[in-house]
C-alpha atoms as a PDB file:
ATOM      1  CA  MET A   1      44.986 -77.414  53.807  1.00  0.00           C
ATOM      2  CA  ASN A   2      44.929 -75.371  57.027  1.00  0.00           C
ATOM      3  CA  ARG A   3      48.366 -76.317  58.784  1.00  0.00           C
ATOM      4  CA  GLU A   4      46.962 -75.748  62.330  1.00  0.00           C
ATOM      5  CA  HIS A   5      44.714 -78.790  61.690  1.00  0.00           C
ATOM      6  CA  LEU A   6      47.938 -81.097  61.756  1.00  0.00           C
ATOM      7  CA  ASN A   7      48.489 -79.837  65.301  1.00  0.00           C
ATOM      8  CA  PHE A   8      47.597 -82.680  67.519  1.00  0.00           C
ATOM      9  CA  ASN A   9      45.832 -80.221  70.378  1.00  0.00           C
ATOM     10  CA  GLU A  10      43.770 -78.706  67.657  1.00  0.00           C
ATOM     11  CA  ARG A  11      42.747 -82.218  66.061  1.00  0.00           C
ATOM     12  CA  PHE A  12      42.036 -83.876  69.332  1.00  0.00           C
ATOM     13  CA  ALA A  13      39.902 -81.105  70.562  1.00  0.00           C
ATOM     14  CA  LYS A  14      37.893 -81.309  67.289  1.00  0.00           C
ATOM     15  CA  ILE A  15      37.597 -85.036  67.531  1.00  0.00           C
ATOM     16  CA  ALA A  16      36.692 -84.847  71.250  1.00  0.00           C
ATOM     17  CA  SER A  17      34.118 -82.366  70.519  1.00  0.00           C
ATOM     18  CA  GLU A  18      32.460 -84.286  67.661  1.00  0.00           C
ATOM     19  CA  LEU A  19      32.520 -87.700  69.807  1.00  0.00           C
ATOM     20  CA  LYS A  20      30.874 -85.896  72.883  1.00  0.00           C
ATOM     21  CA  GLU A  21      28.184 -84.350  70.410  1.00  0.00           C
ATOM     22  CA  SER A  22      27.416 -87.386  68.258  1.00  0.00           C
ATOM     23  CA  ASN A  23      27.605 -89.946  71.117  1.00  0.00           C
ATOM     24  CA  PRO A  24      28.093 -92.930  68.768  1.00  0.00           C
ATOM     25  CA  ASP A  25      27.494 -96.535  69.905  1.00  0.00           C
ATOM     26  CA  ILE A  26      30.309 -97.942  68.138  1.00  0.00           C
ATOM     27  CA  LEU A  27      33.669 -95.954  66.704  1.00  0.00           C
ATOM     28  CA  THR A  28      36.829 -96.623  64.945  1.00  0.00           C
ATOM     29  CA  LEU A  29      39.790 -94.432  65.013  1.00  0.00           C
ATOM     30  CA  CYS A  30      42.977 -94.904  62.811  1.00  0.00           C
ATOM     31  CA  GLU A  31      46.332 -93.585  63.139  1.00  0.00           C
ATOM     32  CA  VAL A  32      46.070 -92.665  66.826  1.00  0.00           C
ATOM     33  CA  ASP A  33      49.378 -91.246  67.606  1.00  0.00           C
ATOM     34  CA  HIS A  34      48.731 -89.981  71.198  1.00  0.00           C
ATOM     35  CA  PHE A  35      47.227 -93.095  72.765  1.00  0.00           C
ATOM     36  CA  ASP A  36      47.032 -91.820  76.387  1.00  0.00           C
ATOM     37  CA  GLU A  37      44.850 -88.850  75.464  1.00  0.00           C
ATOM     38  CA  TYR A  38      42.398 -90.993  73.541  1.00  0.00           C
ATOM     39  CA  ASN A  39      42.666 -93.769  76.423  1.00  0.00           C
ATOM     40  CA  GLN A  40      41.689 -91.096  78.928  1.00  0.00           C
ATOM     41  CA  LEU A  41      38.840 -89.542  76.663  1.00  0.00           C
ATOM     42  CA  LEU A  42      37.261 -92.846  75.852  1.00  0.00           C
ATOM     43  CA  GLN A  43      37.152 -93.932  79.283  1.00  0.00           C
ATOM     44  CA  GLU A  44      35.568 -90.668  80.491  1.00  0.00           C
ATOM     45  CA  LEU A  45      32.906 -91.077  77.679  1.00  0.00           C
ATOM     46  CA  GLY A  46      32.001 -94.499  78.980  1.00  0.00           C
ATOM     47  CA  TYR A  47      33.467 -96.576  76.201  1.00  0.00           C
ATOM     48  CA  GLN A  48      35.298-100.020  76.220  1.00  0.00           C
ATOM     49  CA  PHE A  49      37.644-100.310  73.417  1.00  0.00           C
ATOM     50  CA  TYR A  50      40.499-102.434  71.830  1.00  0.00           C
ATOM     51  CA  SER A  51      43.569-101.242  70.280  1.00  0.00           C
ATOM     52  CA  GLU A  52      45.952-102.586  67.747  1.00  0.00           C
ATOM     53  CA  ASN A  53      49.351-101.392  67.024  1.00  0.00           C
ATOM     54  CA  ARG A  54      49.622-100.659  63.265  1.00  0.00           C
ATOM     55  CA  ARG A  55      53.323 -99.381  63.080  1.00  0.00           C
ATOM     56  CA  ASN A  56      55.689 -98.312  65.579  1.00  0.00           C
ATOM     57  CA  TYR A  57      54.123 -94.984  66.033  1.00  0.00           C
ATOM     58  CA  ASP A  58      50.385 -95.211  65.892  1.00  0.00           C
ATOM     59  CA  LYS A  59      47.262 -97.435  66.708  1.00  0.00           C
ATOM     60  CA  LEU A  60      43.915 -98.444  65.350  1.00  0.00           C
ATOM     61  CA  LEU A  61      41.021 -98.298  68.069  1.00  0.00           C
ATOM     62  CA  ILE A  62      37.600 -99.822  68.046  1.00  0.00           C
ATOM     63  CA  ALA A  63      35.460 -98.471  70.771  1.00  0.00           C
ATOM     64  CA  PHE A  64      31.872 -99.406  71.866  1.00  0.00           C
ATOM     65  CA  LYS A  65      29.311 -98.766  74.635  1.00  0.00           C
ATOM     66  CA  PRO A  66      29.446-101.689  76.955  1.00  0.00           C
ATOM     67  CA  ASP A  67      25.860-101.489  77.994  1.00  0.00           C
ATOM     68  CA  LEU A  68      24.955-102.126  74.313  1.00  0.00           C
ATOM     69  CA  PHE A  69      27.874-104.567  73.231  1.00  0.00           C
ATOM     70  CA  GLU A  70      29.994-107.286  74.414  1.00  0.00           C
ATOM     71  CA  TYR A  71      33.743-107.743  73.562  1.00  0.00           C
ATOM     72  CA  VAL A  72      33.914-111.414  72.677  1.00  0.00           C
ATOM     73  CA  GLU A  73      37.162-111.607  70.810  1.00  0.00           C
ATOM     74  CA  HIS A  74      39.508-109.920  67.955  1.00  0.00           C
ATOM     75  CA  TYR A  75      41.632-110.875  65.146  1.00  0.00           C
ATOM     76  CA  GLY A  76      44.270-108.441  64.223  1.00  0.00           C
ATOM     77  CA  VAL A  77      45.298-108.029  60.612  1.00  0.00           C
ATOM     78  CA  GLN A  78      48.469-106.048  59.840  1.00  0.00           C
ATOM     79  CA  HIS A  79      48.136-104.778  56.218  1.00  0.00           C
ATOM     80  CA  ASP A  80      51.695-103.994  55.697  1.00  0.00           C
ATOM     81  CA  GLU A  81      52.537-107.653  56.232  1.00  0.00           C
ATOM     82  CA  MET A  82      49.839-108.839  54.025  1.00  0.00           C
ATOM     83  CA  ALA A  83      51.281-106.580  51.221  1.00  0.00           C
ATOM     84  CA  GLU A  84      54.525-108.388  51.461  1.00  0.00           C
END
């Protein structure tokens, strides 16, 4: 594995580029550890999204285009709690 891929700035630039190029209607991201940057990016790209804390240090994001989908409700599941 190339160690520079672990660097947040490198990772984020690649993810942002892929999202801009592929322009998905719905997307999910897990292990989001720099929420403010993703929040800004997703808003700039016109997504509405829901986030759920997974642990103390990362989140899960589910994003969608509001002109195609409507947020109705959510039900969060913590897998770590389920394992207990």
